[in-house]
């Protein structure tokens, strides 16, 4: 299994349970790892033969900007479902980081893995 990754994709969204969080957009940082078979693309050198990370990034960004979840867990789960449904990957890891959410900690968030890793 090969992995295509995107690290520190920063997106502004409404996220949180507090009243002020429901009114103020915050930046979340998203790391993605998606399974992919890169052999065909390595031989052909053609973008059509691989998982296009630019399309993945644009789709996740649009989805997160429009979202309105309270929990980072819910956001991560929905990003994972979106990627499994719309892109040809069998396994993924999604990390959502909400920096500044916990006093004294640099960042806090959740990591989920979905699908079957081969």
Protein backbone atom coordinates (compact mmCIF):
# COMPACT_ATOMS: atom_id res chain seq x y z
CA UNK A 1 0.00 0.00 0.00
CA UNK A 2 1.24 3.43 -0.95
CA UNK A 3 0.14 6.57 0.88
CA UNK A 4 -0.48 10.05 -0.42
CA UNK A 5 -0.42 12.60 2.39
CA UNK A 6 -1.35 16.21 2.99
CA UNK A 7 -0.08 17.84 6.18
CA UNK A 8 -1.23 21.00 7.93
CA UNK A 9 -4.10 21.90 5.63
CA UNK A 10 -5.42 24.99 7.40
CA UNK A 11 -9.11 25.77 7.09
CA UNK A 12 -11.34 28.27 8.88
CA UNK A 13 -14.63 26.89 10.15
CA UNK A 14 -17.22 27.04 12.89
CA UNK A 15 -16.21 24.41 15.46
CA UNK A 16 -16.81 24.15 19.19
CA UNK A 17 -19.42 23.87 21.92
CA UNK A 18 -19.12 27.29 23.58
CA UNK A 19 -21.38 30.17 22.56
CA UNK A 20 -18.47 32.30 21.34
CA UNK A 21 -17.22 29.39 19.20
CA UNK A 22 -20.57 29.19 17.42
CA UNK A 23 -20.14 32.82 16.30
CA UNK A 24 -16.41 32.95 15.47
CA UNK A 25 -14.60 31.03 12.75
CA UNK A 26 -11.51 29.20 13.98
CA UNK A 27 -8.63 27.66 12.11
CA UNK A 28 -8.26 23.89 12.22
CA UNK A 29 -5.24 22.05 10.89
CA UNK A 30 -5.91 18.82 9.02
CA UNK A 31 -3.47 16.03 8.19
CA UNK A 32 -4.56 13.38 5.71
CA UNK A 33 -3.09 10.04 4.71
CA UNK A 34 -4.86 8.13 1.95
CA UNK A 35 -4.06 4.73 0.53
CA UNK A 36 -3.25 4.63 -3.13
CA UNK A 37 -1.50 2.39 -5.63
CA UNK A 38 1.19 4.67 -7.09
CA UNK A 39 2.79 2.09 -9.39
CA UNK A 40 0.75 2.94 -12.50
CA UNK A 41 1.32 6.67 -12.06
CA UNK A 42 5.03 6.13 -11.49
CA UNK A 43 5.26 4.36 -14.83
CA UNK A 44 2.95 6.64 -16.84
CA UNK A 45 3.92 9.91 -15.13
CA UNK A 46 0.27 10.95 -15.60
CA UNK A 47 -1.92 12.62 -12.97
CA UNK A 48 -4.93 10.61 -14.17
CA UNK A 49 -3.28 7.47 -12.82
CA UNK A 50 -2.98 8.61 -9.23
CA UNK A 51 -4.92 10.17 -6.40
CA UNK A 52 -4.92 13.88 -7.21
CA UNK A 53 -4.01 15.56 -3.91
CA UNK A 54 -4.95 18.99 -5.26
CA UNK A 55 -8.54 17.80 -5.83
CA UNK A 56 -8.55 16.15 -2.40
CA UNK A 57 -7.34 19.36 -0.77
CA UNK A 58 -9.89 21.54 -2.56
CA UNK A 59 -12.76 19.19 -1.71
CA UNK A 60 -11.83 18.90 1.98
CA UNK A 61 -11.30 22.67 2.24
CA UNK A 62 -14.71 23.43 0.72
CA UNK A 63 -16.40 20.86 2.96
CA UNK A 64 -14.77 22.10 6.18
CA UNK A 65 -15.38 25.78 5.38
CA UNK A 66 -19.10 25.03 5.00
CA UNK A 67 -19.32 22.75 8.05
CA UNK A 68 -20.75 23.70 11.43
CA UNK A 69 -19.87 20.92 13.89
CA UNK A 70 -19.44 21.13 17.63
CA UNK A 71 -16.85 18.36 17.99
CA UNK A 72 -13.57 17.74 16.16
CA UNK A 73 -14.52 14.04 16.35
CA UNK A 74 -17.59 14.70 14.20
CA UNK A 75 -15.59 16.82 11.76
CA UNK A 76 -12.92 14.12 11.39
CA UNK A 77 -15.52 11.38 10.88
CA UNK A 78 -17.30 13.36 8.19
CA UNK A 79 -14.05 14.19 6.39
CA UNK A 80 -13.19 10.49 6.43
CA UNK A 81 -16.59 9.48 5.08
CA UNK A 82 -16.36 12.11 2.33
CA UNK A 83 -12.93 10.90 1.20
CA UNK A 84 -13.86 7.22 1.23
CA UNK A 85 -17.03 7.96 -0.76
CA UNK A 86 -15.56 10.34 -3.33
CA UNK A 87 -11.97 9.20 -3.86
CA UNK A 88 -10.53 5.81 -4.70
CA UNK A 89 -8.88 4.89 -1.43
CA UNK A 90 -9.45 1.86 0.76
CA UNK A 91 -7.85 3.24 3.92
CA UNK A 92 -7.26 6.68 5.39
CA UNK A 93 -6.06 8.49 8.46
CA UNK A 94 -7.48 11.90 9.32
CA UNK A 95 -6.00 14.13 12.02
CA UNK A 96 -7.88 17.28 13.02
CA UNK A 97 -6.01 19.72 15.24
CA UNK A 98 -7.73 22.59 17.01
CA UNK A 99 -4.79 24.64 18.24
CA UNK A 100 -5.40 26.70 21.34
CA UNK A 101 -8.43 24.69 22.45
CA UNK A 102 -6.83 23.68 25.74
CA UNK A 103 -4.94 26.09 27.98
CA UNK A 104 -1.38 24.95 28.50
CA UNK A 105 -1.34 22.64 25.47
CA UNK A 106 0.08 23.59 22.09
CA UNK A 107 -2.69 21.74 20.29
CA UNK A 108 -5.43 19.20 20.78
CA UNK A 109 -7.49 17.11 18.43
CA UNK A 110 -8.36 13.66 17.17
CA UNK A 111 -6.92 11.04 14.84
CA UNK A 112 -9.16 8.51 13.13
CA UNK A 113 -8.41 5.64 10.76
CA UNK A 114 -11.06 4.17 8.51
CA UNK A 115 -11.11 1.45 5.91
CA UNK A 116 -8.84 -1.50 5.46
CA UNK A 117 -5.07 -1.11 5.49
CA UNK A 118 -3.26 -3.57 3.23
